[in-house]
Amino acid sequence: MKPTIYDIAREAGVSATTVSKVINNKGRISEKTKAKIVKIMEDLHYQPSVLASAMKGKNTFTIGIIIPDMNNPVYSEYLKLIEAYGRELGFSILICNTNNDPEKEEEQVTLFRQRQVDGFIIASKFKNDEVLKELINENFPLVLFALERPELSIDCVTIDDFLGGYKVTEYLLSLGHRQIGLMTEDAESSLERVRGYKRALLNADVEYNEKLIYQSETTIDRAVEQAGKLLDSKDKPTAIFGCNDVLAVGTLMAAKHRGIKIPNELSVIGFDNTFMCKIVEPQLSSVSVPLGEMGRQAMDLLISKIDKTNKSKQRIKMLPDLVIRETTARVYEKDAN
């Protein structure tokens, strides 16, 4: 078998990222370490798989997109729109799914750089801060999509998640709901939506109750399980806000398993306005995200970094909109507090 970049790293006692930097002549690597890695590559007859044009320092017109979790349908919609716009601009798109695994994040960044991608779009979640900071320090073309890291100097295109959470909660409050449950996920965007939820409650002089907050992985099975615990709790909600559509659909299923009528006995609303909203019965109210415009903005911003026509860091934030369908209604007077 042909040796891989991981074989070289193991023999040299370094990370695959370090080997990639030597191959691509990037980053600050000591001459001693560089010579050691080059010697091992020669001994093992290792040949990096790169395009000839890339070896000459030219653009490959290839962009790598890293997504955390294919279970959430919003990512397939991200990819479809970004890939279509990328093709219009003459770029090929490479895609990988990391399953929220920091080691796989490093592995995929290394492999993509071995293939000489011109830049990265990282969508929604990225847990490996060391790799992210390395890319930033090297000024490698990079844009965060639906992810904001305000503590880092990095370009991003996001939705105003705080405003989205605020608008959902404000809407449910206007329907008379006071016991508003929340289904969250482990993501920066979810934290911002929770902040918006809390602010709306505060502005309406409604007490925040942390027992109404349940976190779930973004799968239907886990969402059904966690929503079931919320529905069975003593602090029984009259409305539940799912911080993404998967969590909201799981909530609908958990409610139906318990014979709870939607929306007469429980209002449910999601976030992202994916295709799932229209295939469930009743159709799910949600928050619409301008994915097409976000994708175009992210691609244009990344290309400006690749071409070195824009050196300033930009944070572009898009506005969310409520899409009201059949799963939300005014609370029964007997249920209102």
C-alpha atoms as a PDB file:
ATOM      1  CA  MET A   1       0.000   0.000   0.000  1.00  0.00           C
ATOM      2  CA  LYS A   2       1.115   3.518  -0.721  1.00  0.00           C
ATOM      3  CA  PRO A   3       2.115   5.496   2.374  1.00  0.00           C
ATOM      4  CA  THR A   4      -0.290   8.182   3.564  1.00  0.00           C
ATOM      5  CA  ILE A   5       0.218  11.525   5.247  1.00  0.00           C
ATOM      6  CA  TYR A   6      -0.666   9.801   8.521  1.00  0.00           C
ATOM      7  CA  ASP A   7       2.140   7.263   8.045  1.00  0.00           C
ATOM      8  CA  ILE A   8       4.605  10.128   7.600  1.00  0.00           C
ATOM      9  CA  ALA A   9       3.257  11.887  10.696  1.00  0.00           C
ATOM     10  CA  ARG A  10       3.524   8.728  12.793  1.00  0.00           C
ATOM     11  CA  GLU A  11       7.115   8.061  11.714  1.00  0.00           C
ATOM     12  CA  ALA A  12       8.101  11.686  12.368  1.00  0.00           C
ATOM     13  CA  GLY A  13       6.270  11.913  15.675  1.00  0.00           C
ATOM     14  CA  VAL A  14       4.283  14.960  14.578  1.00  0.00           C
ATOM     15  CA  SER A  15       0.670  15.723  13.650  1.00  0.00           C
ATOM     16  CA  ALA A  16      -0.736  15.266  10.158  1.00  0.00           C
ATOM     17  CA  THR A  17      -1.297  19.030  10.122  1.00  0.00           C
ATOM     18  CA  THR A  18       2.457  19.595  10.556  1.00  0.00           C
ATOM     19  CA  VAL A  19       3.246  17.241   7.665  1.00  0.00           C
ATOM     20  CA  SER A  20       0.662  19.058   5.535  1.00  0.00           C
ATOM     21  CA  LYS A  21       2.351  22.373   6.321  1.00  0.00           C
ATOM     22  CA  VAL A  22       5.702  21.018   5.137  1.00  0.00           C
ATOM     23  CA  ILE A  23       4.159  19.662   1.936  1.00  0.00           C
ATOM     24  CA  ASN A  24       2.409  22.948   1.244  1.00  0.00           C
ATOM     25  CA  ASN A  25       5.301  25.091   2.500  1.00  0.00           C
ATOM     26  CA  LYS A  26       2.976  26.845   4.964  1.00  0.00           C
ATOM     27  CA  GLY A  27       3.297  27.906   8.582  1.00  0.00           C
ATOM     28  CA  ARG A  28       6.279  28.119  10.882  1.00  0.00           C
ATOM     29  CA  ILE A  29       8.065  24.762  11.056  1.00  0.00           C
ATOM     30  CA  SER A  30      11.631  24.448  12.320  1.00  0.00           C
ATOM     31  CA  GLU A  31      14.240  23.515   9.712  1.00  0.00           C
ATOM     32  CA  LYS A  32      15.165  20.442  11.761  1.00  0.00           C
ATOM     33  CA  THR A  33      11.564  19.156  11.801  1.00  0.00           C
ATOM     34  CA  LYS A  34      11.081  20.015   8.131  1.00  0.00           C
ATOM     35  CA  ALA A  35      14.249  18.124   7.143  1.00  0.00           C
ATOM     36  CA  LYS A  36      13.172  15.109   9.209  1.00  0.00           C
ATOM     37  CA  ILE A  37       9.751  14.980   7.533  1.00  0.00           C
ATOM     38  CA  VAL A  38      11.212  15.415   4.037  1.00  0.00           C
ATOM     39  CA  LYS A  39      13.711  12.585   4.710  1.00  0.00           C
ATOM     40  CA  ILE A  40      10.919  10.247   5.844  1.00  0.00           C
ATOM     41  CA  MET A  41       8.846  11.111   2.761  1.00  0.00           C
ATOM     42  CA  GLU A  42      11.820  10.295   0.552  1.00  0.00           C
ATOM     43  CA  ASP A  43      12.552   7.024   2.378  1.00  0.00           C
ATOM     44  CA  LEU A  44       8.918   5.906   2.096  1.00  0.00           C
ATOM     45  CA  HIS A  45       8.610   7.181  -1.497  1.00  0.00           C
ATOM     46  CA  TYR A  46       5.676   9.330  -0.512  1.00  0.00           C
ATOM     47  CA  GLN A  47       4.141  11.423  -3.298  1.00  0.00           C
ATOM     48  CA  PRO A  48       1.545  14.042  -2.259  1.00  0.00           C
ATOM     49  CA  SER A  49      -1.601  13.901  -4.362  1.00  0.00           C
ATOM     50  CA  VAL A  50      -1.893  17.446  -5.629  1.00  0.00           C
ATOM     51  CA  LEU A  51      -2.820  19.141  -8.856  1.00  0.00           C
ATOM     52  CA  ALA A  52       0.035  20.262 -11.078  1.00  0.00           C
ATOM     53  CA  SER A  53      -1.297  23.786 -11.122  1.00  0.00           C
ATOM     54  CA  ALA A  54      -1.330  23.866  -7.349  1.00  0.00           C
ATOM     55  CA  MET A  55       2.289  22.701  -7.250  1.00  0.00           C
ATOM     56  CA  LYS A  56       3.105  25.814  -9.286  1.00  0.00           C
ATOM     57  CA  GLY A  57       1.342  28.021  -6.758  1.00  0.00           C
ATOM     58  CA  LYS A  58      -1.746  28.662  -8.863  1.00  0.00           C
ATOM     59  CA  ASN A  59      -5.349  28.503  -7.692  1.00  0.00           C
ATOM     60  CA  THR A  60      -7.128  25.179  -8.087  1.00  0.00           C
ATOM     61  CA  PHE A  61     -10.589  26.804  -8.104  1.00  0.00           C
ATOM     62  CA  THR A  62     -11.644  24.319  -5.446  1.00  0.00           C
ATOM     63  CA  ILE A  63     -13.309  25.151  -2.132  1.00  0.00           C
ATOM     64  CA  GLY A  64     -13.722  22.841   0.838  1.00  0.00           C
ATOM     65  CA  ILE A  65     -16.953  22.973   2.829  1.00  0.00           C
ATOM     66  CA  ILE A  66     -16.982  21.429   6.291  1.00  0.00           C
ATOM     67  CA  ILE A  67     -20.323  20.616   7.903  1.00  0.00           C
ATOM     68  CA  PRO A  68     -20.876  19.073  11.356  1.00  0.00           C
ATOM     69  CA  ASP A  69     -23.918  16.849  11.039  1.00  0.00           C
ATOM     70  CA  MET A  70     -25.843  15.519   8.048  1.00  0.00           C
ATOM     71  CA  ASN A  71     -28.779  14.570  10.303  1.00  0.00           C
ATOM     72  CA  ASN A  72     -29.947  18.184  10.195  1.00  0.00           C
ATOM     73  CA  PRO A  73     -31.609  18.851   6.807  1.00  0.00           C
ATOM     74  CA  VAL A  74     -30.638  22.516   6.907  1.00  0.00           C
ATOM     75  CA  TYR A  75     -27.096  21.477   5.962  1.00  0.00           C
ATOM     76  CA  SER A  76     -28.223  19.802   2.740  1.00  0.00           C
ATOM     77  CA  GLU A  77     -29.957  23.059   1.855  1.00  0.00           C
ATOM     78  CA  TYR A  78     -26.791  25.027   2.688  1.00  0.00           C
ATOM     79  CA  LEU A  79     -24.750  22.766   0.431  1.00  0.00           C
ATOM     80  CA  LYS A  80     -27.155  22.805  -2.482  1.00  0.00           C
ATOM     81  CA  LEU A  81     -27.250  26.604  -2.616  1.00  0.00           C
ATOM     82  CA  ILE A  82     -23.535  27.201  -2.012  1.00  0.00           C
ATOM     83  CA  GLU A  83     -22.512  24.548  -4.532  1.00  0.00           C
ATOM     84  CA  ALA A  84     -24.810  25.966  -7.209  1.00  0.00           C
ATOM     85  CA  TYR A  85     -23.456  29.488  -6.761  1.00  0.00           C
ATOM     86  CA  GLY A  86     -19.876  28.185  -6.621  1.00  0.00           C
ATOM     87  CA  ARG A  87     -20.347  26.444  -9.973  1.00  0.00           C
ATOM     88  CA  GLU A  88     -21.644  29.684 -11.478  1.00  0.00           C
ATOM     89  CA  LEU A  89     -18.375  31.318 -10.417  1.00  0.00           C
ATOM     90  CA  GLY A  90     -16.253  28.483 -11.798  1.00  0.00           C
ATOM     91  CA  PHE A  91     -15.383  26.743  -8.512  1.00  0.00           C
ATOM     92  CA  SER A  92     -15.620  23.061  -7.651  1.00  0.00           C
ATOM     93  CA  ILE A  93     -16.866  22.193  -4.177  1.00  0.00           C
ATOM     94  CA  LEU A  94     -15.494  19.446  -1.921  1.00  0.00           C
ATOM     95  CA  ILE A  95     -17.737  18.493   1.004  1.00  0.00           C
ATOM     96  CA  CYS A  96     -17.115  16.607   4.227  1.00  0.00           C
ATOM     97  CA  ASN A  97     -19.175  15.742   7.296  1.00  0.00           C
ATOM     98  CA  THR A  98     -17.302  15.703  10.633  1.00  0.00           C
ATOM     99  CA  ASN A  99     -20.034  14.353  12.929  1.00  0.00           C
ATOM    100  CA  ASN A 100     -19.020  17.035  15.456  1.00  0.00           C
ATOM    101  CA  ASP A 101     -15.716  15.213  16.027  1.00  0.00           C
ATOM    102  CA  PRO A 102     -12.676  17.500  16.644  1.00  0.00           C
ATOM    103  CA  GLU A 103     -10.257  14.796  15.437  1.00  0.00           C
ATOM    104  CA  LYS A 104     -12.184  14.375  12.216  1.00  0.00           C
ATOM    105  CA  GLU A 105     -12.209  18.157  11.799  1.00  0.00           C
ATOM    106  CA  GLU A 106      -8.402  18.162  11.873  1.00  0.00           C
ATOM    107  CA  GLU A 107      -8.253  15.159   9.568  1.00  0.00           C
ATOM    108  CA  GLN A 108     -10.536  16.735   6.968  1.00  0.00           C
ATOM    109  CA  VAL A 109      -8.743  20.088   7.040  1.00  0.00           C
ATOM    110  CA  THR A 110      -5.455  18.253   6.488  1.00  0.00           C
ATOM    111  CA  LEU A 111      -6.832  16.176   3.613  1.00  0.00           C
ATOM    112  CA  PHE A 112      -8.439  19.186   1.963  1.00  0.00           C
ATOM    113  CA  ARG A 113      -5.219  21.147   2.194  1.00  0.00           C
ATOM    114  CA  GLN A 114      -3.368  18.187   0.706  1.00  0.00           C
ATOM    115  CA  ARG A 115      -5.743  18.498  -2.225  1.00  0.00           C
ATOM    116  CA  GLN A 116      -4.821  22.184  -2.381  1.00  0.00           C
ATOM    117  CA  VAL A 117      -8.243  23.740  -1.865  1.00  0.00           C
ATOM    118  CA  ASP A 118      -8.137  27.512  -2.273  1.00  0.00           C
ATOM    119  CA  GLY A 119     -10.217  28.161   0.842  1.00  0.00           C
ATOM    120  CA  PHE A 120     -12.701  26.841   3.392  1.00  0.00           C
ATOM    121  CA  ILE A 121     -16.303  27.483   4.328  1.00  0.00           C
ATOM    122  CA  ILE A 122     -16.995  26.075   7.798  1.00  0.00           C
ATOM    123  CA  ALA A 123     -20.706  25.710   8.588  1.00  0.00           C
ATOM    124  CA  SER A 124     -22.393  26.051  11.988  1.00  0.00           C
ATOM    125  CA  LYS A 125     -20.024  24.173  14.307  1.00  0.00           C
ATOM    126  CA  PHE A 126     -16.275  23.602  14.612  1.00  0.00           C
ATOM    127  CA  LYS A 127     -14.908  22.307  17.900  1.00  0.00           C
ATOM    128  CA  ASN A 128     -11.189  22.081  17.131  1.00  0.00           C
ATOM    129  CA  ASP A 129     -10.013  25.537  18.171  1.00  0.00           C
ATOM    130  CA  GLU A 130      -6.337  24.670  17.634  1.00  0.00           C
ATOM    131  CA  VAL A 131      -6.878  23.906  13.944  1.00  0.00           C
ATOM    132  CA  LEU A 132      -9.126  26.932  13.493  1.00  0.00           C
ATOM    133  CA  LYS A 133      -6.558  29.259  15.061  1.00  0.00           C
ATOM    134  CA  GLU A 134      -3.801  27.765  12.896  1.00  0.00           C
ATOM    135  CA  LEU A 135      -5.787  28.586   9.758  1.00  0.00           C
ATOM    136  CA  ILE A 136      -6.387  32.125  11.014  1.00  0.00           C
ATOM    137  CA  ASN A 137      -2.722  32.657  11.932  1.00  0.00           C
ATOM    138  CA  GLU A 138      -1.665  31.519   8.462  1.00  0.00           C
ATOM    139  CA  ASN A 139      -4.204  33.893   6.847  1.00  0.00           C
ATOM    140  CA  PHE A 140      -5.630  30.914   4.982  1.00  0.00           C
ATOM    141  CA  PRO A 141      -8.835  31.982   3.131  1.00  0.00           C
ATOM    142  CA  LEU A 142     -11.663  31.029   5.456  1.00  0.00           C
ATOM    143  CA  VAL A 143     -15.276  32.061   6.076  1.00  0.00           C
ATOM    144  CA  LEU A 144     -17.577  30.840   8.838  1.00  0.00           C
ATOM    145  CA  PHE A 145     -21.141  30.164   7.692  1.00  0.00           C
ATOM    146  CA  ALA A 146     -24.034  30.297  10.190  1.00  0.00           C
ATOM    147  CA  LEU A 147     -21.350  30.414  12.872  1.00  0.00           C
ATOM    148  CA  GLU A 148     -19.912  33.396  14.708  1.00  0.00           C
ATOM    149  CA  ARG A 149     -16.774  33.463  16.839  1.00  0.00           C
ATOM    150  CA  PRO A 150     -16.590  37.090  18.016  1.00  0.00           C
ATOM    151  CA  GLU A 151     -13.429  36.443  20.041  1.00  0.00           C
ATOM    152  CA  LEU A 152     -11.512  35.535  16.850  1.00  0.00           C
ATOM    153  CA  SER A 153     -10.463  37.696  13.909  1.00  0.00           C
ATOM    154  CA  ILE A 154     -12.350  35.802  11.239  1.00  0.00           C
ATOM    155  CA  ASP A 155     -14.859  36.490   8.463  1.00  0.00           C
ATOM    156  CA  CYS A 156     -18.382  35.153   8.942  1.00  0.00           C
ATOM    157  CA  VAL A 157     -21.881  35.209   7.469  1.00  0.00           C
ATOM    158  CA  THR A 158     -24.569  34.481  10.023  1.00  0.00           C
ATOM    159  CA  ILE A 159     -28.220  34.822  10.855  1.00  0.00           C
ATOM    160  CA  ASP A 160     -29.203  37.046  13.782  1.00  0.00           C
ATOM    161  CA  ASP A 161     -29.936  34.125  16.089  1.00  0.00           C
ATOM    162  CA  PHE A 162     -30.601  36.367  19.074  1.00  0.00           C
ATOM    163  CA  LEU A 163     -33.284  38.239  17.136  1.00  0.00           C
ATOM    164  CA  GLY A 164     -34.754  34.953  15.885  1.00  0.00           C
ATOM    165  CA  GLY A 165     -35.112  33.609  19.427  1.00  0.00           C
ATOM    166  CA  TYR A 166     -36.541  36.912  20.572  1.00  0.00           C
ATOM    167  CA  LYS A 167     -39.139  37.074  17.772  1.00  0.00           C
ATOM    168  CA  VAL A 168     -40.319  33.495  18.348  1.00  0.00           C
ATOM    169  CA  THR A 169     -40.766  34.075  22.072  1.00  0.00           C
ATOM    170  CA  GLU A 170     -42.412  37.464  21.565  1.00  0.00           C
ATOM    171  CA  TYR A 171     -44.865  35.847  19.132  1.00  0.00           C
ATOM    172  CA  LEU A 172     -45.730  33.015  21.541  1.00  0.00           C
ATOM    173  CA  LEU A 173     -46.177  35.521  24.365  1.00  0.00           C
ATOM    174  CA  SER A 174     -48.577  37.498  22.148  1.00  0.00           C
ATOM    175  CA  LEU A 175     -50.694  34.324  21.885  1.00  0.00           C
ATOM    176  CA  GLY A 176     -50.991  34.247  25.659  1.00  0.00           C
ATOM    177  CA  HIS A 177     -48.380  31.573  26.364  1.00  0.00           C
ATOM    178  CA  ARG A 178     -46.387  31.965  29.564  1.00  0.00           C
ATOM    179  CA  GLN A 179     -45.061  28.428  30.068  1.00  0.00           C
ATOM    180  CA  ILE A 180     -42.823  28.316  26.981  1.00  0.00           C
ATOM    181  CA  GLY A 181     -40.521  25.310  26.782  1.00  0.00           C
ATOM    182  CA  LEU A 182     -37.279  25.319  24.833  1.00  0.00           C
ATOM    183  CA  MET A 183     -35.530  22.470  23.019  1.00  0.00           C
ATOM    184  CA  THR A 184     -31.876  23.373  22.447  1.00  0.00           C
ATOM    185  CA  GLU A 185     -28.767  21.822  20.890  1.00  0.00           C
ATOM    186  CA  ASP A 186     -25.048  22.096  21.605  1.00  0.00           C
ATOM    187  CA  ALA A 187     -24.264  24.979  19.241  1.00  0.00           C
ATOM    188  CA  GLU A 188     -23.333  28.661  19.407  1.00  0.00           C
ATOM    189  CA  SER A 189     -26.424  29.525  17.370  1.00  0.00           C
ATOM    190  CA  SER A 190     -28.647  27.760  19.893  1.00  0.00           C
ATOM    191  CA  LEU A 191     -27.081  29.718  22.756  1.00  0.00           C
ATOM    192  CA  GLU A 192     -27.912  32.963  20.972  1.00  0.00           C
ATOM    193  CA  ARG A 193     -31.497  31.843  20.392  1.00  0.00           C
ATOM    194  CA  VAL A 194     -31.783  31.060  24.097  1.00  0.00           C
ATOM    195  CA  ARG A 195     -30.479  34.554  24.883  1.00  0.00           C
ATOM    196  CA  GLY A 196     -33.197  36.033  22.676  1.00  0.00           C
ATOM    197  CA  TYR A 197     -35.786  33.844  24.418  1.00  0.00           C
ATOM    198  CA  LYS A 198     -34.653  35.075  27.834  1.00  0.00           C
ATOM    199  CA  ARG A 199     -34.676  38.716  26.761  1.00  0.00           C
ATOM    200  CA  ALA A 200     -38.236  38.468  25.414  1.00  0.00           C
ATOM    201  CA  LEU A 201     -39.410  36.910  28.679  1.00  0.00           C
ATOM    202  CA  LEU A 202     -37.671  39.654  30.655  1.00  0.00           C
ATOM    203  CA  ASN A 203     -39.207  42.411  28.539  1.00  0.00           C
ATOM    204  CA  ALA A 204     -42.656  40.873  29.047  1.00  0.00           C
ATOM    205  CA  ASP A 205     -42.066  40.557  32.809  1.00  0.00           C
ATOM    206  CA  VAL A 206     -42.437  36.762  32.590  1.00  0.00           C
ATOM    207  CA  GLU A 207     -40.253  34.751  34.960  1.00  0.00           C
ATOM    208  CA  TYR A 208     -37.560  32.591  33.368  1.00  0.00           C
ATOM    209  CA  ASN A 209     -37.773  28.933  34.414  1.00  0.00           C
ATOM    210  CA  GLU A 210     -34.672  26.867  33.610  1.00  0.00           C
ATOM    211  CA  LYS A 211     -36.684  23.663  34.158  1.00  0.00           C
ATOM    212  CA  LEU A 212     -38.419  24.409  30.835  1.00  0.00           C
ATOM    213  CA  ILE A 213     -35.101  24.110  28.960  1.00  0.00           C
ATOM    214  CA  TYR A 214     -34.049  20.710  27.579  1.00  0.00           C
ATOM    215  CA  GLN A 215     -30.996  19.996  25.407  1.00  0.00           C
ATOM    216  CA  SER A 216     -30.968  17.309  22.734  1.00  0.00           C
ATOM    217  CA  GLU A 217     -28.763  15.930  19.989  1.00  0.00           C
ATOM    218  CA  THR A 218     -30.072  16.807  16.534  1.00  0.00           C
ATOM    219  CA  THR A 219     -31.734  13.495  15.727  1.00  0.00           C
ATOM    220  CA  ILE A 220     -35.432  12.699  15.642  1.00  0.00           C
ATOM    221  CA  ASP A 221     -35.105   9.860  18.162  1.00  0.00           C
ATOM    222  CA  ARG A 222     -33.251  11.970  20.735  1.00  0.00           C
ATOM    223  CA  ALA A 223     -35.575  14.917  20.151  1.00  0.00           C
ATOM    224  CA  VAL A 224     -38.625  12.709  20.770  1.00  0.00           C
ATOM    225  CA  GLU A 225     -37.012  11.400  23.952  1.00  0.00           C
ATOM    226  CA  GLN A 226     -36.039  14.798  25.354  1.00  0.00           C
ATOM    227  CA  ALA A 227     -39.289  16.506  24.344  1.00  0.00           C
ATOM    228  CA  GLY A 228     -41.147  13.676  26.038  1.00  0.00           C
ATOM    229  CA  LYS A 229     -39.337  14.432  29.292  1.00  0.00           C
ATOM    230  CA  LEU A 230     -40.299  18.097  28.968  1.00  0.00           C
ATOM    231  CA  LEU A 231     -43.941  17.253  28.264  1.00  0.00           C
ATOM    232  CA  ASP A 232     -44.058  14.826  31.206  1.00  0.00           C
ATOM    233  CA  SER A 233     -42.485  17.269  33.650  1.00  0.00           C
ATOM    234  CA  LYS A 234     -44.357  19.137  36.380  1.00  0.00           C
ATOM    235  CA  ASP A 235     -43.595  22.427  34.605  1.00  0.00           C
ATOM    236  CA  LYS A 236     -45.788  21.437  31.673  1.00  0.00           C
ATOM    237  CA  PRO A 237     -45.441  23.948  28.813  1.00  0.00           C
ATOM    238  CA  THR A 238     -48.268  25.262  26.656  1.00  0.00           C
ATOM    239  CA  ALA A 239     -45.806  26.040  23.856  1.00  0.00           C
ATOM    240  CA  ILE A 240     -42.393  24.675  22.850  1.00  0.00           C
ATOM    241  CA  PHE A 241     -39.763  26.424  20.735  1.00  0.00           C
ATOM    242  CA  GLY A 242     -37.376  24.005  18.982  1.00  0.00           C
ATOM    243  CA  CYS A 243     -34.057  25.699  18.213  1.00  0.00           C
ATOM    244  CA  ASN A 244     -34.021  23.836  14.897  1.00  0.00           C
ATOM    245  CA  ASP A 245     -36.673  22.064  12.840  1.00  0.00           C
ATOM    246  CA  VAL A 246     -35.462  18.555  13.759  1.00  0.00           C
ATOM    247  CA  LEU A 247     -36.020  19.321  17.450  1.00  0.00           C
ATOM    248  CA  ALA A 248     -39.435  20.817  16.683  1.00  0.00           C
ATOM    249  CA  VAL A 249     -40.539  17.817  14.604  1.00  0.00           C
ATOM    250  CA  GLY A 250     -39.370  15.501  17.389  1.00  0.00           C
ATOM    251  CA  THR A 251     -41.494  17.558  19.769  1.00  0.00           C
ATOM    252  CA  LEU A 252     -44.538  17.146  17.516  1.00  0.00           C
ATOM    253  CA  MET A 253     -44.047  13.375  17.526  1.00  0.00           C
ATOM    254  CA  ALA A 254     -43.614  13.229  21.302  1.00  0.00           C
ATOM    255  CA  ALA A 255     -46.820  15.230  21.735  1.00  0.00           C
ATOM    256  CA  LYS A 256     -48.770  12.955  19.378  1.00  0.00           C
ATOM    257  CA  HIS A 257     -47.537   9.879  21.277  1.00  0.00           C
ATOM    258  CA  ARG A 258     -49.181  11.384  24.374  1.00  0.00           C
ATOM    259  CA  GLY A 259     -52.422  12.314  22.639  1.00  0.00           C
ATOM    260  CA  ILE A 260     -51.698  16.040  22.935  1.00  0.00           C
ATOM    261  CA  LYS A 261     -53.523  17.996  20.253  1.00  0.00           C
ATOM    262  CA  ILE A 262     -51.499  20.404  18.116  1.00  0.00           C
ATOM    263  CA  PRO A 263     -52.030  23.369  18.247  1.00  0.00           C
ATOM    264  CA  ASN A 264     -55.129  23.292  20.491  1.00  0.00           C
ATOM    265  CA  GLU A 265     -53.303  21.928  23.536  1.00  0.00           C
ATOM    266  CA  LEU A 266     -49.685  22.686  22.600  1.00  0.00           C
ATOM    267  CA  SER A 267     -48.078  25.164  20.208  1.00  0.00           C
ATOM    268  CA  VAL A 268     -44.790  24.190  18.544  1.00  0.00           C
ATOM    269  CA  ILE A 269     -42.432  26.276  16.421  1.00  0.00           C
ATOM    270  CA  GLY A 270     -39.052  25.452  14.884  1.00  0.00           C
ATOM    271  CA  PHE A 271     -36.114  27.299  13.350  1.00  0.00           C
ATOM    272  CA  ASP A 272     -34.582  27.165   9.818  1.00  0.00           C
ATOM    273  CA  ASN A 273     -37.803  26.635   7.810  1.00  0.00           C
ATOM    274  CA  THR A 274     -36.501  23.466   6.137  1.00  0.00           C
ATOM    275  CA  PHE A 275     -38.531  21.164   3.869  1.00  0.00           C
ATOM    276  CA  MET A 276     -39.559  19.201   6.987  1.00  0.00           C
ATOM    277  CA  CYS A 277     -41.976  21.985   7.929  1.00  0.00           C
ATOM    278  CA  LYS A 278     -44.287  21.202   5.014  1.00  0.00           C
ATOM    279  CA  ILE A 279     -44.210  17.400   5.128  1.00  0.00           C
ATOM    280  CA  VAL A 280     -45.380  17.031   8.726  1.00  0.00           C
ATOM    281  CA  GLU A 281     -49.026  17.206   9.751  1.00  0.00           C
ATOM    282  CA  PRO A 282     -49.961  19.787  10.876  1.00  0.00           C
ATOM    283  CA  GLN A 283     -47.442  21.911   9.000  1.00  0.00           C
ATOM    284  CA  LEU A 284     -44.772  23.376  11.260  1.00  0.00           C
ATOM    285  CA  SER A 285     -44.399  27.080  12.016  1.00  0.00           C
ATOM    286  CA  SER A 286     -40.739  28.072  11.873  1.00  0.00           C
ATOM    287  CA  VAL A 287     -38.177  30.831  11.414  1.00  0.00           C
ATOM    288  CA  SER A 288     -37.109  31.507   7.857  1.00  0.00           C
ATOM    289  CA  VAL A 289     -33.389  31.947   7.165  1.00  0.00           C
ATOM    290  CA  PRO A 290     -32.244  33.594   3.878  1.00  0.00           C
ATOM    291  CA  LEU A 291     -29.948  30.696   2.979  1.00  0.00           C
ATOM    292  CA  GLY A 292     -29.565  31.663  -0.673  1.00  0.00           C
ATOM    293  CA  GLU A 293     -28.360  35.173   0.114  1.00  0.00           C
ATOM    294  CA  MET A 294     -26.172  33.883   2.943  1.00  0.00           C
ATOM    295  CA  GLY A 295     -24.550  31.377   0.575  1.00  0.00           C
ATOM    296  CA  ARG A 296     -23.850  34.041  -2.044  1.00  0.00           C
ATOM    297  CA  GLN A 297     -22.404  36.388   0.564  1.00  0.00           C
ATOM    298  CA  ALA A 298     -20.171  33.632   1.967  1.00  0.00           C
ATOM    299  CA  MET A 299     -18.854  32.638  -1.472  1.00  0.00           C
ATOM    300  CA  ASP A 300     -18.239  36.240  -2.548  1.00  0.00           C
ATOM    301  CA  LEU A 301     -16.448  36.966   0.709  1.00  0.00           C
ATOM    302  CA  LEU A 302     -14.284  33.841   0.452  1.00  0.00           C
ATOM    303  CA  ILE A 303     -13.329  34.550  -3.160  1.00  0.00           C
ATOM    304  CA  SER A 304     -12.300  38.087  -2.208  1.00  0.00           C
ATOM    305  CA  LYS A 305      -9.949  36.488   0.348  1.00  0.00           C
ATOM    306  CA  ILE A 306      -8.587  34.006  -2.178  1.00  0.00           C
ATOM    307  CA  ASP A 307      -7.973  36.803  -4.701  1.00  0.00           C
ATOM    308  CA  LYS A 308      -6.564  39.021  -1.928  1.00  0.00           C
ATOM    309  CA  THR A 309      -8.857  41.861  -3.001  1.00  0.00           C
ATOM    310  CA  ASN A 310     -10.295  42.302   0.492  1.00  0.00           C
ATOM    311  CA  LYS A 311      -8.024  42.152   3.544  1.00  0.00           C
ATOM    312  CA  SER A 312     -10.494  43.524   6.097  1.00  0.00           C
ATOM    313  CA  LYS A 313     -12.476  41.142   8.307  1.00  0.00           C
ATOM    314  CA  GLN A 314     -16.239  41.214   7.813  1.00  0.00           C
ATOM    315  CA  ARG A 315     -19.121  39.978   9.937  1.00  0.00           C
ATOM    316  CA  ILE A 316     -22.291  39.847   7.873  1.00  0.00           C
ATOM    317  CA  LYS A 317     -25.502  39.224   9.807  1.00  0.00           C
ATOM    318  CA  MET A 318     -28.816  38.467   8.060  1.00  0.00           C
ATOM    319  CA  LEU A 319     -32.305  38.969   9.494  1.00  0.00           C
ATOM    320  CA  PRO A 320     -34.729  36.119  10.294  1.00  0.00           C
ATOM    321  CA  ASP A 321     -38.484  36.071   9.607  1.00  0.00           C
ATOM    322  CA  LEU A 322     -41.330  34.145  11.202  1.00  0.00           C
ATOM    323  CA  VAL A 323     -43.275  31.751   8.988  1.00  0.00           C
ATOM    324  CA  ILE A 324     -46.550  30.931  10.697  1.00  0.00           C
ATOM    325  CA  ARG A 325     -48.282  27.714   9.662  1.00  0.00           C
ATOM    326  CA  GLU A 326     -50.523  25.301  11.562  1.00  0.00           C
ATOM    327  CA  THR A 327     -48.712  24.361  14.774  1.00  0.00           C
ATOM    328  CA  THR A 328     -49.142  27.599  16.738  1.00  0.00           C
ATOM    329  CA  ALA A 329     -52.324  29.059  18.225  1.00  0.00           C
ATOM    330  CA  ARG A 330     -53.586  31.159  21.095  1.00  0.00           C
ATOM    331  CA  VAL A 331     -53.349  29.413  24.457  1.00  0.00           C
ATOM    332  CA  TYR A 332     -56.568  28.175  26.068  1.00  0.00           C
ATOM    333  CA  GLU A 333     -57.702  30.585  28.751  1.00  0.00           C
ATOM    334  CA  LYS A 334     -57.855  27.732  31.250  1.00  0.00           C
ATOM    335  CA  ASP A 335     -54.177  26.996  30.585  1.00  0.00           C
ATOM    336  CA  ALA A 336     -52.933  30.576  30.707  1.00  0.00           C
ATOM    337  CA  ASN A 337     -51.213  31.790  33.866  1.00  0.00           C
END
